[in-house]
């Protein structure tokens, strides 16, 4: 009985669709960037503290570590084909975008906002659109074990 359950696991049943591979690459890149940002914050702590920054190094380090760990957890869930992974992936993507826009609107100065917002808006819409489109593909839903058959 247990052998049948293992064979029904989505990751063992089908190869990972191209959309899943793309999501894994995107989340791996973002997580590695956040890990690098975290390490650079720690390495340059004294220098960052010497500046009068509106965003203190402790916040920068904490935020970077949070996103790196969240990304790693998402990668693990997607790789394993776990049922909660698509919802978590979408939630993390929306949360990251929301935090980015809150920081852009509240923390950064007006000149930064005036020059960044159009490109940031386009990239946010495009990025979230791609992620949500991939998560809603039939191949992706089949990979995560969602039933595609509708009962009428």
N, C-alpha and C. Protein backbone atom coordinates (compact mmCIF):
# COMPACT_ATOMS: atom_id res chain seq x y z
N UNK A 1 0.83 -1.20 0.00
CA UNK A 1 0.00 0.00 0.00
C UNK A 1 0.87 1.25 0.00
N UNK A 2 1.91 1.23 0.81
CA UNK A 2 2.77 2.40 0.88
C UNK A 2 3.54 2.60 -0.42
N UNK A 3 3.90 1.52 -1.09
CA UNK A 3 4.59 1.62 -2.37
C UNK A 3 3.74 2.33 -3.42
N UNK A 4 2.43 2.07 -3.40
CA UNK A 4 1.53 2.75 -4.35
C UNK A 4 1.45 4.24 -4.07
N UNK A 5 1.46 4.61 -2.80
CA UNK A 5 1.39 6.03 -2.46
C UNK A 5 2.64 6.75 -2.93
N UNK A 6 3.80 6.10 -2.84
CA UNK A 6 5.03 6.73 -3.30
C UNK A 6 5.01 6.93 -4.81
N UNK A 7 4.44 5.98 -5.55
CA UNK A 7 4.37 6.10 -6.99
C UNK A 7 3.39 7.18 -7.43
N UNK A 8 2.42 7.49 -6.58
CA UNK A 8 1.45 8.52 -6.91
C UNK A 8 1.95 9.92 -6.59
N UNK A 9 3.09 10.03 -5.95
CA UNK A 9 3.64 11.36 -5.64
C UNK A 9 3.95 12.08 -6.94
N UNK A 10 3.52 13.34 -7.08
CA UNK A 10 3.68 14.06 -8.35
C UNK A 10 5.11 14.12 -8.85
N UNK A 11 6.08 14.30 -7.96
CA UNK A 11 7.47 14.43 -8.40
C UNK A 11 7.99 13.12 -8.98
N UNK A 12 7.46 11.99 -8.52
CA UNK A 12 7.90 10.69 -9.03
C UNK A 12 7.09 10.29 -10.26
N UNK A 13 5.86 10.80 -10.39
CA UNK A 13 4.96 10.40 -11.46
C UNK A 13 5.35 11.06 -12.78
N UNK A 14 5.62 12.35 -12.77
CA UNK A 14 5.89 13.08 -14.00
C UNK A 14 7.20 13.83 -13.89
N UNK A 15 7.76 14.14 -15.04
CA UNK A 15 8.92 15.03 -15.06
C UNK A 15 8.44 16.44 -14.75
N UNK A 16 9.33 17.25 -14.24
CA UNK A 16 8.97 18.63 -13.92
C UNK A 16 8.72 19.40 -15.21
N UNK A 17 7.58 20.07 -15.30
CA UNK A 17 7.29 20.88 -16.50
C UNK A 17 8.27 22.06 -16.61
N UNK A 18 8.37 22.62 -17.80
CA UNK A 18 9.29 23.74 -18.05
C UNK A 18 8.96 24.93 -17.15
N UNK A 19 7.68 25.18 -16.89
CA UNK A 19 7.29 26.28 -16.01
C UNK A 19 7.81 26.10 -14.59
N UNK A 20 7.82 24.88 -14.12
CA UNK A 20 8.34 24.58 -12.79
C UNK A 20 9.84 24.85 -12.75
N UNK A 21 10.54 24.44 -13.79
CA UNK A 21 11.99 24.69 -13.87
C UNK A 21 12.26 26.19 -13.86
N UNK A 22 11.47 26.95 -14.60
CA UNK A 22 11.62 28.41 -14.64
C UNK A 22 11.38 29.02 -13.25
N UNK A 23 10.34 28.56 -12.57
CA UNK A 23 10.08 29.04 -11.20
C UNK A 23 11.24 28.71 -10.27
N UNK A 24 11.75 27.50 -10.38
CA UNK A 24 12.88 27.10 -9.54
C UNK A 24 14.09 27.99 -9.79
N UNK A 25 14.37 28.28 -11.05
CA UNK A 25 15.52 29.13 -11.38
C UNK A 25 15.32 30.56 -10.86
N UNK A 26 14.11 31.08 -11.02
CA UNK A 26 13.83 32.44 -10.53
C UNK A 26 13.96 32.52 -9.01
N UNK A 27 13.37 31.57 -8.30
CA UNK A 27 13.44 31.60 -6.85
C UNK A 27 14.85 31.33 -6.35
N UNK A 28 15.59 30.46 -7.05
CA UNK A 28 16.98 30.21 -6.66
C UNK A 28 17.83 31.46 -6.84
N UNK A 29 17.64 32.16 -7.95
CA UNK A 29 18.39 33.40 -8.19
C UNK A 29 18.07 34.45 -7.14
N UNK A 30 16.78 34.63 -6.87
CA UNK A 30 16.36 35.63 -5.88
C UNK A 30 16.87 35.26 -4.48
N UNK A 31 16.81 33.99 -4.14
CA UNK A 31 17.27 33.56 -2.81
C UNK A 31 18.77 33.73 -2.66
N UNK A 32 19.52 33.40 -3.70
CA UNK A 32 20.97 33.59 -3.65
C UNK A 32 21.32 35.07 -3.55
N UNK A 33 20.59 35.91 -4.27
CA UNK A 33 20.82 37.35 -4.17
C UNK A 33 20.56 37.85 -2.75
N UNK A 34 19.47 37.40 -2.14
CA UNK A 34 19.14 37.82 -0.78
C UNK A 34 20.16 37.30 0.22
N UNK A 35 20.68 36.10 -0.01
CA UNK A 35 21.72 35.56 0.86
C UNK A 35 23.02 36.36 0.73
N UNK A 36 23.34 36.76 -0.48
CA UNK A 36 24.51 37.61 -0.71
C UNK A 36 24.31 38.97 -0.05
N UNK A 37 23.13 39.53 -0.17
CA UNK A 37 22.80 40.81 0.45
C UNK A 37 22.93 40.73 1.97
N UNK A 38 22.45 39.62 2.54
CA UNK A 38 22.56 39.40 3.98
C UNK A 38 24.02 39.33 4.41
N UNK A 39 24.82 38.55 3.68
CA UNK A 39 26.23 38.41 4.05
C UNK A 39 26.98 39.73 3.90
N UNK A 40 26.68 40.50 2.86
CA UNK A 40 27.34 41.78 2.67
C UNK A 40 26.94 42.78 3.76
N UNK A 41 25.71 42.70 4.20
CA UNK A 41 25.28 43.56 5.30
C UNK A 41 26.06 43.23 6.57
N UNK A 42 26.23 41.94 6.85
CA UNK A 42 26.99 41.55 8.03
C UNK A 42 28.45 41.95 7.92
N UNK A 43 29.03 41.74 6.73
CA UNK A 43 30.45 42.07 6.54
C UNK A 43 30.72 43.58 6.62
N UNK A 44 29.77 44.38 6.21
CA UNK A 44 29.95 45.83 6.18
C UNK A 44 29.12 46.54 7.25
N UNK A 45 28.87 45.86 8.34
CA UNK A 45 27.99 46.38 9.40
C UNK A 45 28.48 47.72 9.95
N UNK A 46 29.76 47.82 10.27
CA UNK A 46 30.29 49.05 10.85
C UNK A 46 30.18 50.21 9.87
N UNK A 47 30.48 49.96 8.63
CA UNK A 47 30.39 51.02 7.61
C UNK A 47 28.95 51.48 7.45
N UNK A 48 28.03 50.54 7.37
CA UNK A 48 26.62 50.91 7.21
C UNK A 48 26.10 51.67 8.43
N UNK A 49 26.54 51.29 9.61
CA UNK A 49 26.13 51.99 10.83
C UNK A 49 26.67 53.41 10.89
N UNK A 50 27.80 53.66 10.22
CA UNK A 50 28.39 55.00 10.26
C UNK A 50 27.61 56.01 9.41
N UNK A 51 26.82 55.51 8.47
CA UNK A 51 25.99 56.41 7.65
C UNK A 51 24.67 56.66 8.37
N UNK A 52 24.05 57.76 8.05
CA UNK A 52 22.72 58.02 8.62
C UNK A 52 21.68 57.56 7.60
N UNK A 53 21.44 56.25 7.62
CA UNK A 53 20.51 55.64 6.66
C UNK A 53 19.08 55.67 7.21
N UNK A 54 18.13 55.83 6.31
CA UNK A 54 16.73 55.78 6.74
C UNK A 54 16.28 54.34 6.96
N UNK A 55 17.05 53.39 6.46
CA UNK A 55 16.75 51.96 6.61
C UNK A 55 17.94 51.32 7.31
N UNK A 56 17.85 51.07 8.62
CA UNK A 56 19.02 50.60 9.39
C UNK A 56 19.50 49.22 8.94
N UNK A 57 20.78 48.93 9.16
CA UNK A 57 21.36 47.65 8.74
C UNK A 57 20.67 46.43 9.36
N UNK A 58 20.16 46.56 10.57
CA UNK A 58 19.48 45.43 11.19
C UNK A 58 18.22 45.05 10.40
N UNK A 59 17.51 46.05 9.90
CA UNK A 59 16.34 45.79 9.06
C UNK A 59 16.74 45.17 7.73
N UNK A 60 17.81 45.68 7.15
CA UNK A 60 18.31 45.15 5.89
C UNK A 60 18.73 43.69 6.05
N UNK A 61 19.46 43.39 7.11
CA UNK A 61 19.91 42.02 7.35
C UNK A 61 18.72 41.09 7.63
N UNK A 62 17.80 41.54 8.47
CA UNK A 62 16.64 40.71 8.80
C UNK A 62 15.76 40.44 7.60
N UNK A 63 15.53 41.47 6.81
CA UNK A 63 14.70 41.32 5.62
C UNK A 63 15.37 40.37 4.62
N UNK A 64 16.67 40.54 4.41
CA UNK A 64 17.40 39.69 3.47
C UNK A 64 17.38 38.23 3.91
N UNK A 65 17.60 38.00 5.19
CA UNK A 65 17.58 36.63 5.70
C UNK A 65 16.19 36.02 5.56
N UNK A 66 15.15 36.79 5.87
CA UNK A 66 13.78 36.30 5.73
C UNK A 66 13.48 35.87 4.30
N UNK A 67 13.82 36.73 3.32
CA UNK A 67 13.53 36.41 1.93
C UNK A 67 14.37 35.25 1.43
N UNK A 68 15.62 35.14 1.89
CA UNK A 68 16.48 34.01 1.49
C UNK A 68 15.90 32.69 2.01
N UNK A 69 15.49 32.68 3.28
CA UNK A 69 14.92 31.47 3.86
C UNK A 69 13.57 31.13 3.25
N UNK A 70 12.75 32.14 3.02
CA UNK A 70 11.44 31.91 2.38
C UNK A 70 11.61 31.36 0.97
N UNK A 71 12.56 31.90 0.24
CA UNK A 71 12.84 31.41 -1.10
C UNK A 71 13.33 29.98 -1.08
N UNK A 72 14.22 29.67 -0.14
CA UNK A 72 14.72 28.31 -0.02
C UNK A 72 13.61 27.32 0.33
N UNK A 73 12.72 27.72 1.21
CA UNK A 73 11.58 26.89 1.59
C UNK A 73 10.66 26.68 0.40
N UNK A 74 10.45 27.73 -0.39
CA UNK A 74 9.62 27.63 -1.58
C UNK A 74 10.25 26.70 -2.61
N UNK A 75 11.55 26.83 -2.81
CA UNK A 75 12.26 25.96 -3.75
C UNK A 75 12.10 24.50 -3.34
N UNK A 76 12.27 24.23 -2.05
CA UNK A 76 12.14 22.87 -1.55
C UNK A 76 10.74 22.33 -1.83
N UNK A 77 9.70 23.14 -1.56
CA UNK A 77 8.33 22.70 -1.78
C UNK A 77 8.02 22.47 -3.25
N UNK A 78 8.52 23.34 -4.10
CA UNK A 78 8.29 23.19 -5.54
C UNK A 78 9.03 21.96 -6.06
N UNK A 79 10.28 21.79 -5.65
CA UNK A 79 11.09 20.67 -6.11
C UNK A 79 10.45 19.33 -5.74
N UNK A 80 9.92 19.27 -4.53
CA UNK A 80 9.29 18.03 -4.05
C UNK A 80 7.88 17.84 -4.58
N UNK A 81 7.31 18.88 -5.18
CA UNK A 81 5.95 18.78 -5.70
C UNK A 81 4.90 18.73 -4.61
N UNK A 82 5.16 19.41 -3.50
CA UNK A 82 4.24 19.39 -2.37
C UNK A 82 3.00 20.24 -2.66
N UNK A 83 1.87 19.80 -2.18
CA UNK A 83 0.59 20.44 -2.52
C UNK A 83 0.49 21.90 -2.09
N UNK A 84 1.15 22.28 -1.01
CA UNK A 84 1.07 23.65 -0.50
C UNK A 84 1.99 24.60 -1.26
N UNK A 85 2.91 24.09 -2.04
CA UNK A 85 3.93 24.91 -2.68
C UNK A 85 3.37 25.99 -3.63
N UNK A 86 2.36 25.70 -4.47
CA UNK A 86 1.87 26.77 -5.35
C UNK A 86 1.27 27.95 -4.58
N UNK A 87 0.53 27.67 -3.54
CA UNK A 87 -0.07 28.74 -2.74
C UNK A 87 1.02 29.53 -2.02
N UNK A 88 2.00 28.82 -1.47
CA UNK A 88 3.09 29.48 -0.78
C UNK A 88 3.92 30.32 -1.75
N UNK A 89 4.16 29.78 -2.94
CA UNK A 89 4.92 30.49 -3.97
C UNK A 89 4.21 31.78 -4.37
N UNK A 90 2.91 31.70 -4.61
CA UNK A 90 2.15 32.90 -4.95
C UNK A 90 2.11 33.90 -3.81
N UNK A 91 1.96 33.40 -2.59
CA UNK A 91 1.91 34.29 -1.42
C UNK A 91 3.25 35.00 -1.20
N UNK A 92 4.34 34.27 -1.33
CA UNK A 92 5.67 34.87 -1.16
C UNK A 92 5.91 35.91 -2.26
N UNK A 93 5.50 35.62 -3.46
CA UNK A 93 5.68 36.56 -4.57
C UNK A 93 4.89 37.85 -4.34
N UNK A 94 3.64 37.70 -3.93
CA UNK A 94 2.81 38.87 -3.64
C UNK A 94 3.36 39.64 -2.43
N UNK A 95 3.80 38.93 -1.41
CA UNK A 95 4.37 39.58 -0.23
C UNK A 95 5.64 40.34 -0.54
N UNK A 96 6.51 39.75 -1.35
CA UNK A 96 7.75 40.42 -1.74
C UNK A 96 7.43 41.70 -2.51
N UNK A 97 6.48 41.62 -3.43
CA UNK A 97 6.08 42.80 -4.21
C UNK A 97 5.49 43.88 -3.32
N UNK A 98 4.66 43.48 -2.38
CA UNK A 98 4.04 44.45 -1.47
C UNK A 98 5.09 45.14 -0.61
N UNK A 99 6.03 44.38 -0.07
CA UNK A 99 7.09 44.97 0.75
C UNK A 99 7.94 45.92 -0.09
N UNK A 100 8.26 45.52 -1.30
CA UNK A 100 9.05 46.37 -2.18
C UNK A 100 8.35 47.71 -2.41
N UNK A 101 7.05 47.66 -2.71
CA UNK A 101 6.31 48.90 -2.99
C UNK A 101 6.12 49.74 -1.74
N UNK A 102 5.93 49.12 -0.60
CA UNK A 102 5.82 49.88 0.65
C UNK A 102 7.12 50.61 0.93
N UNK A 103 8.25 49.91 0.76
CA UNK A 103 9.53 50.57 0.97
C UNK A 103 9.74 51.69 -0.05
N UNK A 104 9.37 51.45 -1.28
CA UNK A 104 9.55 52.47 -2.32
C UNK A 104 8.71 53.71 -2.02
N UNK A 105 7.49 53.51 -1.55
CA UNK A 105 6.59 54.64 -1.30
C UNK A 105 6.83 55.34 0.02
N UNK A 106 7.29 54.60 1.04
CA UNK A 106 7.41 55.16 2.38
C UNK A 106 8.84 55.56 2.74
N UNK A 107 9.79 54.71 2.43
CA UNK A 107 11.15 54.92 2.94
C UNK A 107 12.01 55.77 2.01
N UNK A 108 11.96 55.47 0.72
CA UNK A 108 12.87 56.17 -0.19
C UNK A 108 12.41 57.60 -0.45
N UNK A 109 13.35 58.43 -0.85
CA UNK A 109 13.02 59.83 -1.09
C UNK A 109 12.24 60.00 -2.40
N UNK A 110 11.66 61.16 -2.58
CA UNK A 110 10.77 61.44 -3.70
C UNK A 110 11.50 61.32 -5.04
N UNK A 111 12.76 61.74 -5.10
CA UNK A 111 13.49 61.67 -6.37
C UNK A 111 13.69 60.23 -6.82
N UNK A 112 13.92 59.33 -5.88
CA UNK A 112 14.05 57.91 -6.21
C UNK A 112 12.72 57.37 -6.72
N UNK A 113 11.65 57.75 -6.06
CA UNK A 113 10.32 57.29 -6.47
C UNK A 113 9.98 57.80 -7.87
N UNK A 114 10.29 59.06 -8.16
CA UNK A 114 9.95 59.64 -9.47
C UNK A 114 10.68 58.94 -10.60
N UNK A 115 11.90 58.49 -10.37
CA UNK A 115 12.65 57.85 -11.44
C UNK A 115 12.41 56.35 -11.53
N UNK A 116 12.00 55.72 -10.44
CA UNK A 116 11.88 54.26 -10.42
C UNK A 116 10.50 53.71 -10.67
N UNK A 117 9.45 54.42 -10.31
CA UNK A 117 8.15 53.79 -10.26
C UNK A 117 7.65 53.24 -11.58
N UNK A 118 7.86 53.88 -12.74
CA UNK A 118 7.32 53.28 -13.96
C UNK A 118 7.94 51.91 -14.29
N UNK A 119 9.24 51.83 -14.20
CA UNK A 119 9.92 50.56 -14.49
C UNK A 119 9.56 49.53 -13.43
N UNK A 120 9.52 49.95 -12.18
CA UNK A 120 9.18 49.03 -11.09
C UNK A 120 7.77 48.48 -11.26
N UNK A 121 6.85 49.33 -11.67
CA UNK A 121 5.47 48.89 -11.88
C UNK A 121 5.39 47.87 -13.01
N UNK A 122 6.07 48.14 -14.10
CA UNK A 122 6.05 47.22 -15.24
C UNK A 122 6.67 45.87 -14.85
N UNK A 123 7.81 45.92 -14.17
CA UNK A 123 8.47 44.67 -13.76
C UNK A 123 7.64 43.89 -12.73
N UNK A 124 6.99 44.60 -11.83
CA UNK A 124 6.14 43.94 -10.84
C UNK A 124 4.98 43.24 -11.51
N UNK A 125 4.28 43.94 -12.40
CA UNK A 125 3.14 43.35 -13.09
C UNK A 125 3.58 42.17 -13.95
N UNK A 126 4.66 42.35 -14.69
CA UNK A 126 5.17 41.28 -15.55
C UNK A 126 5.61 40.07 -14.72
N UNK A 127 6.37 40.30 -13.67
CA UNK A 127 6.87 39.20 -12.84
C UNK A 127 5.75 38.43 -12.16
N UNK A 128 4.83 39.16 -11.53
CA UNK A 128 3.70 38.49 -10.88
C UNK A 128 2.82 37.77 -11.89
N UNK A 129 2.64 38.40 -13.05
CA UNK A 129 1.84 37.76 -14.10
C UNK A 129 2.43 36.45 -14.56
N UNK A 130 3.74 36.44 -14.77
CA UNK A 130 4.42 35.20 -15.19
C UNK A 130 4.31 34.13 -14.12
N UNK A 131 4.57 34.50 -12.88
CA UNK A 131 4.50 33.52 -11.78
C UNK A 131 3.10 32.95 -11.64
N UNK A 132 2.10 33.82 -11.63
CA UNK A 132 0.72 33.34 -11.48
C UNK A 132 0.27 32.55 -12.71
N UNK A 133 0.73 32.92 -13.90
CA UNK A 133 0.39 32.16 -15.10
C UNK A 133 1.00 30.76 -15.04
N UNK A 134 2.24 30.67 -14.63
CA UNK A 134 2.90 29.35 -14.50
C UNK A 134 2.17 28.49 -13.47
N UNK A 135 1.79 29.10 -12.35
CA UNK A 135 1.11 28.33 -11.30
C UNK A 135 -0.27 27.85 -11.74
N UNK A 136 -0.87 28.50 -12.74
CA UNK A 136 -2.20 28.11 -13.21
C UNK A 136 -2.19 27.24 -14.46
N UNK A 137 -1.01 26.89 -14.97
CA UNK A 137 -0.93 25.99 -16.11
C UNK A 137 -1.43 24.61 -15.72
N UNK A 138 -2.04 23.91 -16.67
CA UNK A 138 -2.52 22.55 -16.39
C UNK A 138 -1.37 21.62 -16.03
N UNK A 139 -0.24 21.78 -16.70
CA UNK A 139 0.91 20.91 -16.42
C UNK A 139 1.44 21.15 -15.00
N UNK A 140 1.42 22.41 -14.57
CA UNK A 140 1.87 22.73 -13.21
C UNK A 140 0.90 22.17 -12.18
N UNK A 141 -0.38 22.34 -12.43
CA UNK A 141 -1.37 21.82 -11.49
C UNK A 141 -1.32 20.30 -11.43
N UNK A 142 -1.08 19.66 -12.57
CA UNK A 142 -0.95 18.20 -12.58
C UNK A 142 0.30 17.77 -11.81
N UNK A 143 1.37 18.53 -11.95
CA UNK A 143 2.62 18.23 -11.23
C UNK A 143 2.39 18.26 -9.72
N UNK A 144 1.57 19.20 -9.26
CA UNK A 144 1.28 19.30 -7.83
C UNK A 144 0.14 18.42 -7.40
N UNK A 145 -0.37 17.61 -8.31
CA UNK A 145 -1.38 16.62 -7.96
C UNK A 145 -2.79 17.13 -7.87
N UNK A 146 -3.08 18.27 -8.49
CA UNK A 146 -4.44 18.79 -8.47
C UNK A 146 -5.26 18.09 -9.56
N UNK A 147 -6.47 17.74 -9.23
CA UNK A 147 -7.37 17.06 -10.16
C UNK A 147 -7.90 18.05 -11.17
N UNK A 148 -7.68 17.79 -12.45
CA UNK A 148 -8.12 18.68 -13.53
C UNK A 148 -9.53 18.39 -13.98
N UNK A 149 -10.08 17.24 -13.61
CA UNK A 149 -11.41 16.86 -14.06
C UNK A 149 -12.47 17.62 -13.28
N UNK A 150 -13.42 18.16 -14.02
CA UNK A 150 -14.52 18.88 -13.39
C UNK A 150 -15.77 18.02 -13.44
N UNK A 151 -16.47 17.98 -12.35
CA UNK A 151 -17.71 17.20 -12.28
C UNK A 151 -18.85 18.16 -12.57
N UNK A 152 -19.68 17.75 -13.53
CA UNK A 152 -20.82 18.61 -13.89
C UNK A 152 -22.11 18.06 -13.37
